[in-house]
């Protein structure tokens, strides 16, 4: 290996060669360590966008931005509280079921006005929203574990949201989801 010194090319000493190799290795190691947080941030952003996009429920699209999901959870909790009160009341089982079936709330599909929902149907909808959020956040955790496994910049950068996870990581994602049921 040569370098230009004092107007001519000269051979590098062994120490100079080692110094250059060490410097290049340090640069590559730093670039590798920096690519992981960037990839994780990119995957997190995509996950958030997918969660925000929401779900299709009974043929209509429902966004799931943070403020939407918070309000959906609040409405579902109110319905569940009313069901608990009904179930604790001193009436027949038939009267309880009738009272529960008459519970209502209001919500809207994207771009549409609010409509009255049957409380039980709304709980089903809220459950689907929660599953959508939980699946995507848990899958994101699996992708981040996959990023941590990769040993080169190219393999880290090749990971995309929606990629299939290795069997052991996917098993962990599924076990986590099962534990949350």
N, C-alpha and C. Protein backbone atom coordinates (compact mmCIF):
# COMPACT_ATOMS: atom_id res chain seq x y z
N UNK A 1 0.85 -1.16 0.00
CA UNK A 1 0.00 0.00 0.00
C UNK A 1 0.91 1.23 0.00
N UNK A 2 0.46 2.26 -0.75
CA UNK A 2 1.28 3.46 -0.86
C UNK A 2 0.49 4.70 -0.46
N UNK A 3 1.26 5.74 -0.15
CA UNK A 3 0.64 7.04 0.09
C UNK A 3 1.52 8.10 -0.55
N UNK A 4 0.93 9.24 -0.76
CA UNK A 4 1.65 10.33 -1.38
C UNK A 4 2.28 11.16 -0.29
N UNK A 5 3.64 11.30 -0.33
CA UNK A 5 4.37 12.02 0.70
C UNK A 5 5.51 12.79 0.03
N UNK A 6 5.59 14.08 0.33
CA UNK A 6 6.68 14.94 -0.18
C UNK A 6 6.83 14.85 -1.70
N UNK A 7 5.69 14.87 -2.39
CA UNK A 7 5.75 14.91 -3.83
C UNK A 7 5.96 13.57 -4.51
N UNK A 8 5.94 12.45 -3.78
CA UNK A 8 6.08 11.14 -4.42
C UNK A 8 5.35 10.08 -3.60
N UNK A 9 5.08 8.97 -4.25
CA UNK A 9 4.44 7.84 -3.58
C UNK A 9 5.49 7.03 -2.84
N UNK A 10 5.16 6.68 -1.59
CA UNK A 10 6.07 5.86 -0.79
C UNK A 10 5.26 4.73 -0.16
N UNK A 11 5.94 3.67 0.17
CA UNK A 11 5.29 2.54 0.81
C UNK A 11 4.91 2.92 2.24
N UNK A 12 3.73 2.46 2.66
CA UNK A 12 3.31 2.67 4.04
C UNK A 12 4.03 1.68 4.96
N UNK A 13 4.27 2.14 6.14
CA UNK A 13 4.87 1.24 7.12
C UNK A 13 3.77 0.31 7.63
N UNK A 14 4.17 -0.77 8.28
CA UNK A 14 3.20 -1.71 8.86
C UNK A 14 2.30 -0.99 9.86
N UNK A 15 2.88 -0.10 10.65
CA UNK A 15 2.09 0.65 11.64
C UNK A 15 1.07 1.54 10.94
N UNK A 16 1.43 2.19 9.87
CA UNK A 16 0.51 3.05 9.14
C UNK A 16 -0.64 2.23 8.54
N UNK A 17 -0.31 1.05 8.05
CA UNK A 17 -1.34 0.16 7.49
C UNK A 17 -2.31 -0.25 8.59
N UNK A 18 -1.78 -0.64 9.75
CA UNK A 18 -2.62 -1.04 10.87
C UNK A 18 -3.50 0.12 11.35
N UNK A 19 -2.91 1.32 11.42
CA UNK A 19 -3.67 2.49 11.85
C UNK A 19 -4.84 2.76 10.91
N UNK A 20 -4.59 2.65 9.61
CA UNK A 20 -5.66 2.88 8.63
C UNK A 20 -6.74 1.81 8.74
N UNK A 21 -6.34 0.57 8.94
CA UNK A 21 -7.32 -0.51 9.07
C UNK A 21 -8.15 -0.33 10.33
N UNK A 22 -7.51 0.05 11.41
CA UNK A 22 -8.22 0.28 12.66
C UNK A 22 -9.22 1.42 12.48
N UNK A 23 -8.80 2.48 11.87
CA UNK A 23 -9.68 3.62 11.64
C UNK A 23 -10.87 3.22 10.79
N UNK A 24 -10.64 2.46 9.72
CA UNK A 24 -11.74 2.02 8.86
C UNK A 24 -12.69 1.10 9.63
N UNK A 25 -12.13 0.21 10.44
CA UNK A 25 -12.97 -0.68 11.24
C UNK A 25 -13.80 0.11 12.25
N UNK A 26 -13.19 1.13 12.85
CA UNK A 26 -13.92 1.97 13.80
C UNK A 26 -15.05 2.72 13.11
N UNK A 27 -14.79 3.23 11.91
CA UNK A 27 -15.81 3.95 11.14
C UNK A 27 -16.97 3.01 10.82
N UNK A 28 -16.64 1.80 10.37
CA UNK A 28 -17.68 0.83 10.04
C UNK A 28 -18.47 0.41 11.27
N UNK A 29 -17.78 0.21 12.40
CA UNK A 29 -18.48 -0.18 13.63
C UNK A 29 -19.43 0.92 14.09
N UNK A 30 -18.98 2.16 13.99
CA UNK A 30 -19.82 3.29 14.39
C UNK A 30 -21.03 3.39 13.47
N UNK A 31 -20.83 3.25 12.17
CA UNK A 31 -21.93 3.31 11.22
C UNK A 31 -22.94 2.18 11.49
N UNK A 32 -22.43 1.00 11.82
CA UNK A 32 -23.28 -0.14 12.13
C UNK A 32 -24.12 0.15 13.37
N UNK A 33 -23.50 0.65 14.42
CA UNK A 33 -24.23 0.94 15.65
C UNK A 33 -25.26 2.07 15.45
N UNK A 34 -24.95 3.01 14.56
CA UNK A 34 -25.89 4.10 14.31
C UNK A 34 -27.07 3.66 13.45
N UNK A 35 -26.87 2.64 12.61
CA UNK A 35 -27.94 2.23 11.71
C UNK A 35 -29.07 1.54 12.46
N UNK A 36 -28.77 0.88 13.58
CA UNK A 36 -29.80 0.14 14.32
C UNK A 36 -30.87 1.08 14.90
N UNK A 37 -30.49 2.13 15.64
CA UNK A 37 -31.54 3.02 16.16
C UNK A 37 -32.33 3.71 15.04
N UNK A 38 -31.66 4.02 13.95
CA UNK A 38 -32.36 4.65 12.82
C UNK A 38 -33.40 3.68 12.24
N UNK A 39 -33.02 2.43 12.08
CA UNK A 39 -33.95 1.43 11.55
C UNK A 39 -35.11 1.23 12.50
N UNK A 40 -34.82 1.16 13.81
CA UNK A 40 -35.90 0.98 14.79
C UNK A 40 -36.85 2.17 14.77
N UNK A 41 -36.33 3.37 14.63
CA UNK A 41 -37.18 4.56 14.55
C UNK A 41 -38.04 4.52 13.30
N UNK A 42 -37.47 4.09 12.19
CA UNK A 42 -38.22 3.96 10.93
C UNK A 42 -39.35 2.94 11.09
N UNK A 43 -39.05 1.80 11.68
CA UNK A 43 -40.06 0.76 11.89
C UNK A 43 -41.15 1.25 12.85
N UNK A 44 -40.76 1.97 13.89
CA UNK A 44 -41.74 2.52 14.84
C UNK A 44 -42.67 3.51 14.16
N UNK A 45 -42.11 4.34 13.30
CA UNK A 45 -42.92 5.32 12.57
C UNK A 45 -43.94 4.61 11.69
N UNK A 46 -43.49 3.60 10.96
CA UNK A 46 -44.40 2.84 10.10
C UNK A 46 -45.48 2.15 10.92
N UNK A 47 -45.09 1.57 12.05
CA UNK A 47 -46.06 0.93 12.94
C UNK A 47 -47.12 1.93 13.38
N UNK A 48 -46.69 3.10 13.80
CA UNK A 48 -47.63 4.14 14.21
C UNK A 48 -48.58 4.54 13.10
N UNK A 49 -48.07 4.65 11.88
CA UNK A 49 -48.91 5.01 10.74
C UNK A 49 -49.95 3.92 10.47
N UNK A 50 -49.54 2.66 10.59
CA UNK A 50 -50.47 1.55 10.36
C UNK A 50 -51.53 1.52 11.46
N UNK A 51 -51.12 1.73 12.69
CA UNK A 51 -52.09 1.78 13.79
C UNK A 51 -53.06 2.94 13.56
N UNK A 52 -52.54 4.12 13.22
CA UNK A 52 -53.39 5.29 12.99
C UNK A 52 -54.40 5.05 11.87
N UNK A 53 -53.99 4.31 10.85
CA UNK A 53 -54.89 4.04 9.72
C UNK A 53 -56.13 3.30 10.20
N UNK A 54 -55.98 2.47 11.22
CA UNK A 54 -57.13 1.83 11.84
C UNK A 54 -57.54 0.52 11.21
N UNK A 55 -58.84 0.26 11.31
CA UNK A 55 -59.37 -1.02 10.85
C UNK A 55 -60.63 -0.82 10.01
N UNK A 56 -60.96 -1.86 9.29
CA UNK A 56 -62.26 -1.92 8.63
C UNK A 56 -63.13 -2.81 9.50
N UNK A 57 -64.28 -2.30 9.88
CA UNK A 57 -65.21 -3.05 10.72
C UNK A 57 -66.58 -2.96 10.07
N UNK A 58 -67.13 -4.11 9.74
CA UNK A 58 -68.44 -4.19 9.09
C UNK A 58 -68.51 -3.28 7.86
N UNK A 59 -67.42 -3.33 7.08
CA UNK A 59 -67.40 -2.63 5.79
C UNK A 59 -67.06 -1.15 5.83
N UNK A 60 -66.78 -0.62 7.00
CA UNK A 60 -66.46 0.81 7.12
C UNK A 60 -65.10 0.98 7.76
N UNK A 61 -64.41 2.07 7.37
CA UNK A 61 -63.07 2.35 7.88
C UNK A 61 -63.15 3.20 9.14
N UNK A 62 -62.38 2.80 10.15
CA UNK A 62 -62.31 3.52 11.42
C UNK A 62 -60.85 3.79 11.76
N UNK A 63 -60.48 5.07 11.81
CA UNK A 63 -59.12 5.45 12.19
C UNK A 63 -58.87 5.10 13.64
N UNK A 64 -57.60 5.02 13.97
CA UNK A 64 -57.23 4.64 15.34
C UNK A 64 -56.07 5.50 15.83
N UNK A 65 -56.20 6.80 15.62
CA UNK A 65 -55.19 7.70 16.18
C UNK A 65 -55.28 7.64 17.70
N UNK A 66 -54.29 8.14 18.37
CA UNK A 66 -54.24 8.07 19.83
C UNK A 66 -55.51 8.60 20.47
N UNK A 67 -55.97 9.76 20.01
CA UNK A 67 -57.18 10.34 20.61
C UNK A 67 -58.41 9.48 20.32
N UNK A 68 -58.46 8.82 19.15
CA UNK A 68 -59.57 7.91 18.83
C UNK A 68 -59.57 6.72 19.77
N UNK A 69 -58.40 6.07 19.89
CA UNK A 69 -58.33 4.87 20.71
C UNK A 69 -58.63 5.19 22.18
N UNK A 70 -58.19 6.34 22.66
CA UNK A 70 -58.48 6.72 24.05
C UNK A 70 -59.97 6.90 24.26
N UNK A 71 -60.64 7.53 23.30
CA UNK A 71 -62.08 7.74 23.45
C UNK A 71 -62.84 6.42 23.30
N UNK A 72 -62.40 5.56 22.40
CA UNK A 72 -63.04 4.25 22.23
C UNK A 72 -62.93 3.44 23.52
N UNK A 73 -61.75 3.44 24.12
CA UNK A 73 -61.56 2.70 25.38
C UNK A 73 -62.45 3.28 26.48
N UNK A 74 -62.55 4.59 26.55
CA UNK A 74 -63.40 5.24 27.55
C UNK A 74 -64.86 4.84 27.37
N UNK A 75 -65.34 4.87 26.12
CA UNK A 75 -66.73 4.49 25.86
C UNK A 75 -66.97 3.01 26.18
N UNK A 76 -66.02 2.17 25.80
CA UNK A 76 -66.14 0.73 26.10
C UNK A 76 -66.16 0.50 27.61
N UNK A 77 -65.31 1.21 28.34
CA UNK A 77 -65.29 1.07 29.80
C UNK A 77 -66.63 1.49 30.42
N UNK A 78 -67.24 2.53 29.88
CA UNK A 78 -68.55 2.96 30.39
C UNK A 78 -69.60 1.88 30.16
N UNK A 79 -69.56 1.27 28.98
CA UNK A 79 -70.51 0.18 28.69
C UNK A 79 -70.27 -0.98 29.65
N UNK A 80 -69.01 -1.35 29.83
CA UNK A 80 -68.69 -2.46 30.73
C UNK A 80 -69.12 -2.16 32.17
N UNK A 81 -68.97 -0.92 32.60
CA UNK A 81 -69.41 -0.54 33.95
C UNK A 81 -70.92 -0.67 34.07
N UNK A 82 -71.65 -0.27 33.05
CA UNK A 82 -73.11 -0.39 33.07
C UNK A 82 -73.53 -1.86 33.09
N UNK A 83 -72.81 -2.69 32.34
CA UNK A 83 -73.11 -4.13 32.33
C UNK A 83 -72.89 -4.71 33.72
N UNK A 84 -71.82 -4.29 34.36
CA UNK A 84 -71.52 -4.79 35.71
C UNK A 84 -72.63 -4.39 36.68
N UNK A 85 -73.09 -3.16 36.57
CA UNK A 85 -74.18 -2.68 37.44
C UNK A 85 -75.45 -3.49 37.17
N UNK A 86 -75.76 -3.71 35.91
CA UNK A 86 -76.95 -4.50 35.55
C UNK A 86 -76.83 -5.91 36.10
N UNK A 87 -75.65 -6.51 35.93
CA UNK A 87 -75.46 -7.88 36.41
C UNK A 87 -75.55 -8.00 37.93
N UNK A 88 -75.29 -6.93 38.63
CA UNK A 88 -75.38 -6.95 40.09
C UNK A 88 -76.77 -6.58 40.60
N UNK A 89 -77.63 -6.19 39.69
CA UNK A 89 -78.97 -5.77 40.10
C UNK A 89 -79.83 -6.98 40.48
N UNK A 90 -80.88 -6.69 41.21
CA UNK A 90 -81.77 -7.75 41.71
C UNK A 90 -82.96 -7.93 40.77
N UNK A 91 -82.65 -8.38 39.53
CA UNK A 91 -83.69 -8.65 38.54
C UNK A 91 -83.42 -10.03 37.93
N UNK A 92 -84.37 -10.51 37.17
CA UNK A 92 -84.20 -11.83 36.56
C UNK A 92 -83.11 -11.79 35.49
N UNK A 93 -82.63 -12.94 35.16
CA UNK A 93 -81.59 -13.05 34.11
C UNK A 93 -82.12 -12.49 32.79
N UNK A 94 -83.37 -12.75 32.50
CA UNK A 94 -83.99 -12.25 31.26
C UNK A 94 -84.01 -10.72 31.26
N UNK A 95 -84.33 -10.13 32.38
CA UNK A 95 -84.35 -8.67 32.48
C UNK A 95 -82.94 -8.09 32.35
N UNK A 96 -81.96 -8.79 32.90
CA UNK A 96 -80.57 -8.35 32.76
C UNK A 96 -80.15 -8.35 31.30
N UNK A 97 -80.46 -9.44 30.61
CA UNK A 97 -80.08 -9.54 29.20
C UNK A 97 -80.76 -8.47 28.36
N UNK A 98 -82.02 -8.19 28.66
CA UNK A 98 -82.75 -7.15 27.95
C UNK A 98 -82.11 -5.79 28.21
N UNK A 99 -81.79 -5.50 29.47
CA UNK A 99 -81.17 -4.21 29.81
C UNK A 99 -79.80 -4.06 29.13
N UNK A 100 -79.05 -5.13 29.12
CA UNK A 100 -77.73 -5.08 28.47
C UNK A 100 -77.89 -4.85 26.97
N UNK A 101 -78.85 -5.52 26.36
CA UNK A 101 -79.04 -5.38 24.91
C UNK A 101 -79.50 -3.98 24.52
N UNK A 102 -80.02 -3.23 25.47
CA UNK A 102 -80.49 -1.87 25.20
C UNK A 102 -79.43 -0.79 25.43
N UNK A 103 -78.26 -1.18 25.89
CA UNK A 103 -77.18 -0.20 26.07
C UNK A 103 -76.74 0.34 24.72
N UNK A 104 -76.46 1.62 24.67
CA UNK A 104 -76.03 2.24 23.41
C UNK A 104 -74.91 3.24 23.67
N UNK A 105 -74.21 3.56 22.60
CA UNK A 105 -73.22 4.64 22.59
C UNK A 105 -73.18 5.18 21.17
N UNK A 106 -72.40 6.21 20.95
CA UNK A 106 -72.30 6.80 19.61
C UNK A 106 -70.84 6.81 19.17
N UNK A 107 -70.63 6.52 17.90
CA UNK A 107 -69.30 6.59 17.29
C UNK A 107 -69.47 6.76 15.80
N UNK A 108 -68.38 7.06 15.12
CA UNK A 108 -68.47 7.36 13.69
C UNK A 108 -67.37 6.67 12.90
N UNK A 109 -67.71 6.29 11.68
CA UNK A 109 -66.70 5.82 10.74
C UNK A 109 -66.00 7.06 10.18
N UNK A 110 -64.84 6.86 9.56
CA UNK A 110 -64.09 7.98 9.01
C UNK A 110 -64.95 8.77 8.01
N UNK A 111 -65.01 10.07 8.22
CA UNK A 111 -65.72 10.95 7.30
C UNK A 111 -67.23 10.87 7.38
N UNK A 112 -67.75 10.17 8.35
CA UNK A 112 -69.20 10.02 8.49
C UNK A 112 -69.66 10.61 9.82
N UNK A 113 -70.95 10.95 9.90
CA UNK A 113 -71.46 11.46 11.18
C UNK A 113 -71.57 10.34 12.20
N UNK A 114 -71.66 10.73 13.46
CA UNK A 114 -71.84 9.75 14.53
C UNK A 114 -73.18 9.03 14.36
N UNK A 115 -73.17 7.76 14.71
CA UNK A 115 -74.40 6.98 14.72
C UNK A 115 -74.48 6.26 16.06
N UNK A 116 -75.69 5.86 16.41
CA UNK A 116 -75.90 5.13 17.65
C UNK A 116 -75.53 3.68 17.43
N UNK A 117 -74.73 3.16 18.34
CA UNK A 117 -74.29 1.75 18.29
C UNK A 117 -74.94 0.99 19.43
N UNK A 118 -75.27 -0.24 19.18
CA UNK A 118 -75.62 -1.16 20.24
C UNK A 118 -74.37 -1.33 21.10
N UNK A 119 -74.54 -1.31 22.42
CA UNK A 119 -73.38 -1.39 23.31
C UNK A 119 -72.54 -2.63 23.12
N UNK A 120 -73.18 -3.78 22.91
CA UNK A 120 -72.43 -5.02 22.72
C UNK A 120 -71.66 -5.01 21.40
N UNK A 121 -72.26 -4.44 20.37
CA UNK A 121 -71.58 -4.33 19.07
C UNK A 121 -70.38 -3.38 19.21
N UNK A 122 -70.56 -2.31 20.00
CA UNK A 122 -69.45 -1.39 20.22
C UNK A 122 -68.31 -2.07 20.97
N UNK A 123 -68.63 -2.92 21.93
CA UNK A 123 -67.58 -3.66 22.64
C UNK A 123 -66.82 -4.57 21.68
N UNK A 124 -67.53 -5.18 20.75
CA UNK A 124 -66.87 -6.02 19.73
C UNK A 124 -65.92 -5.16 18.89
N UNK A 125 -66.39 -4.00 18.48
CA UNK A 125 -65.57 -3.05 17.71
C UNK A 125 -64.34 -2.62 18.52
N UNK A 126 -64.55 -2.26 19.79
CA UNK A 126 -63.44 -1.81 20.64
C UNK A 126 -62.40 -2.92 20.79
N UNK A 127 -62.87 -4.16 20.90
CA UNK A 127 -61.96 -5.31 20.99
C UNK A 127 -61.11 -5.43 19.73
N UNK A 128 -61.72 -5.22 18.56
CA UNK A 128 -60.98 -5.29 17.30
C UNK A 128 -59.93 -4.18 17.22
N UNK A 129 -60.29 -3.00 17.68
CA UNK A 129 -59.33 -1.89 17.72
C UNK A 129 -58.16 -2.25 18.63
N UNK A 130 -58.47 -2.78 19.81
CA UNK A 130 -57.41 -3.15 20.75
C UNK A 130 -56.51 -4.24 20.17
N UNK A 131 -57.10 -5.21 19.50
CA UNK A 131 -56.31 -6.28 18.86
C UNK A 131 -55.39 -5.71 17.79
N UNK A 132 -55.91 -4.75 17.03
CA UNK A 132 -55.12 -4.09 15.97
C UNK A 132 -53.89 -3.40 16.58
N UNK A 133 -54.11 -2.66 17.65
CA UNK A 133 -53.01 -1.95 18.32
C UNK A 133 -52.02 -2.94 18.91
N UNK A 134 -52.54 -3.92 19.64
CA UNK A 134 -51.67 -4.89 20.32
C UNK A 134 -50.86 -5.71 19.33
N UNK A 135 -51.49 -6.17 18.27
CA UNK A 135 -50.77 -6.96 17.26
C UNK A 135 -49.61 -6.14 16.70
N UNK A 136 -49.89 -4.92 16.26
CA UNK A 136 -48.85 -4.12 15.62
C UNK A 136 -47.73 -3.76 16.57
N UNK A 137 -48.04 -3.41 17.81
CA UNK A 137 -46.99 -3.08 18.77
C UNK A 137 -46.15 -4.31 19.13
N UNK A 138 -46.79 -5.47 19.23
CA UNK A 138 -46.06 -6.69 19.55
C UNK A 138 -45.21 -7.13 18.37
N UNK A 139 -45.75 -7.03 17.18
CA UNK A 139 -44.98 -7.34 15.97
C UNK A 139 -43.79 -6.40 15.85
N UNK A 140 -43.99 -5.12 16.15
CA UNK A 140 -42.89 -4.16 16.12
C UNK A 140 -41.78 -4.60 17.07
N UNK A 141 -42.14 -5.08 18.25
CA UNK A 141 -41.13 -5.59 19.18
C UNK A 141 -40.34 -6.73 18.57
N UNK A 142 -41.01 -7.60 17.83
CA UNK A 142 -40.33 -8.69 17.13
C UNK A 142 -39.37 -8.17 16.07
N UNK A 143 -39.80 -7.16 15.33
CA UNK A 143 -38.91 -6.57 14.32
C UNK A 143 -37.68 -5.94 14.96
N UNK A 144 -37.87 -5.28 16.10
CA UNK A 144 -36.73 -4.68 16.78
C UNK A 144 -35.76 -5.74 17.27
N UNK A 145 -36.28 -6.88 17.72
CA UNK A 145 -35.41 -7.99 18.12
C UNK A 145 -34.63 -8.51 16.90
N UNK A 146 -35.28 -8.53 15.76
CA UNK A 146 -34.62 -8.96 14.53
C UNK A 146 -33.50 -7.98 14.15
N UNK A 147 -33.75 -6.69 14.29
CA UNK A 147 -32.72 -5.68 14.03
C UNK A 147 -31.50 -5.96 14.90
N UNK A 148 -31.74 -6.23 16.17
CA UNK A 148 -30.63 -6.48 17.10
C UNK A 148 -29.80 -7.70 16.71
N UNK A 149 -30.39 -8.63 16.02
CA UNK A 149 -29.67 -9.84 15.60
C UNK A 149 -28.76 -9.63 14.40
N UNK A 150 -29.10 -8.67 13.59
CA UNK A 150 -28.37 -8.49 12.33
C UNK A 150 -26.97 -7.96 12.59
N UNK A 151 -26.03 -8.40 11.77
CA UNK A 151 -24.61 -8.09 12.00
C UNK A 151 -23.99 -7.18 10.96
N UNK A 152 -24.77 -6.78 9.95
CA UNK A 152 -24.22 -5.85 8.96
C UNK A 152 -25.22 -4.74 8.70
N UNK A 153 -24.71 -3.63 8.22
CA UNK A 153 -25.57 -2.50 7.90
C UNK A 153 -26.59 -2.90 6.84
N UNK A 154 -26.15 -3.62 5.83
CA UNK A 154 -27.06 -4.02 4.75
C UNK A 154 -28.19 -4.89 5.25
N UNK A 155 -27.89 -5.84 6.16
CA UNK A 155 -28.97 -6.71 6.65
C UNK A 155 -29.91 -5.95 7.58
N UNK A 156 -29.40 -4.99 8.33
CA UNK A 156 -30.27 -4.15 9.16
C UNK A 156 -31.18 -3.33 8.26
N UNK A 157 -30.60 -2.67 7.27
CA UNK A 157 -31.37 -1.79 6.40
C UNK A 157 -32.37 -2.54 5.53
N UNK A 158 -32.16 -3.83 5.32
CA UNK A 158 -33.07 -4.62 4.48
C UNK A 158 -34.39 -4.94 5.19
N UNK A 159 -34.45 -4.79 6.50
CA UNK A 159 -35.66 -5.13 7.26
C UNK A 159 -36.74 -4.09 6.96
N UNK A 160 -37.95 -4.60 6.69
CA UNK A 160 -39.09 -3.73 6.39
C UNK A 160 -40.29 -4.16 7.24
N UNK A 161 -41.13 -3.19 7.57
CA UNK A 161 -42.36 -3.50 8.30
C UNK A 161 -43.21 -4.39 7.40
N UNK A 162 -43.64 -5.50 7.94
CA UNK A 162 -44.41 -6.48 7.17
C UNK A 162 -43.61 -7.72 6.83
N UNK A 163 -42.28 -7.67 7.06
CA UNK A 163 -41.44 -8.84 6.82
C UNK A 163 -41.86 -9.98 7.74
N UNK A 164 -41.65 -11.19 7.24
CA UNK A 164 -41.88 -12.37 8.07
C UNK A 164 -40.78 -12.45 9.12
N UNK A 165 -41.16 -12.79 10.32
CA UNK A 165 -40.19 -12.92 11.41
C UNK A 165 -39.64 -14.34 11.46
N UNK A 166 -38.40 -14.50 11.91
CA UNK A 166 -37.88 -15.85 12.12
C UNK A 166 -38.78 -16.60 13.10
N UNK A 167 -38.75 -17.91 12.99
CA UNK A 167 -39.65 -18.76 13.76
C UNK A 167 -39.61 -18.49 15.26
N UNK A 168 -38.43 -18.37 15.84
CA UNK A 168 -38.34 -18.18 17.29
C UNK A 168 -38.87 -16.82 17.73
N UNK A 169 -38.62 -15.79 16.94
CA UNK A 169 -39.14 -14.45 17.28
C UNK A 169 -40.65 -14.45 17.12
N UNK A 170 -41.15 -15.06 16.05
CA UNK A 170 -42.60 -15.11 15.84
C UNK A 170 -43.27 -15.90 16.95
N UNK A 171 -42.64 -16.97 17.41
CA UNK A 171 -43.20 -17.75 18.51
C UNK A 171 -43.33 -16.88 19.76
N UNK A 172 -42.35 -16.03 20.00
CA UNK A 172 -42.40 -15.12 21.14
C UNK A 172 -43.53 -14.09 20.97
N UNK A 173 -43.68 -13.56 19.76
CA UNK A 173 -44.76 -12.60 19.49
C UNK A 173 -46.11 -13.28 19.77
N UNK A 174 -46.29 -14.48 19.24
CA UNK A 174 -47.56 -15.19 19.43
C UNK A 174 -47.79 -15.55 20.89
N UNK A 175 -46.74 -15.95 21.61
CA UNK A 175 -46.88 -16.27 23.03
C UNK A 175 -47.28 -15.03 23.81
N UNK A 176 -46.72 -13.90 23.47
CA UNK A 176 -47.07 -12.64 24.13
C UNK A 176 -48.54 -12.31 23.89
N UNK A 177 -48.97 -12.43 22.64
CA UNK A 177 -50.37 -12.14 22.31
C UNK A 177 -51.30 -13.10 23.03
N UNK A 178 -50.93 -14.35 23.10
CA UNK A 178 -51.74 -15.36 23.79
C UNK A 178 -51.85 -15.02 25.27
N UNK A 179 -50.77 -14.59 25.88
CA UNK A 179 -50.77 -14.25 27.30
C UNK A 179 -51.67 -13.06 27.60
N UNK A 180 -51.88 -12.21 26.60
CA UNK A 180 -52.70 -11.02 26.80
C UNK A 180 -54.20 -11.29 26.66
N UNK A 181 -54.56 -12.47 26.22
CA UNK A 181 -55.99 -12.79 26.04
C UNK A 181 -56.69 -12.93 27.36
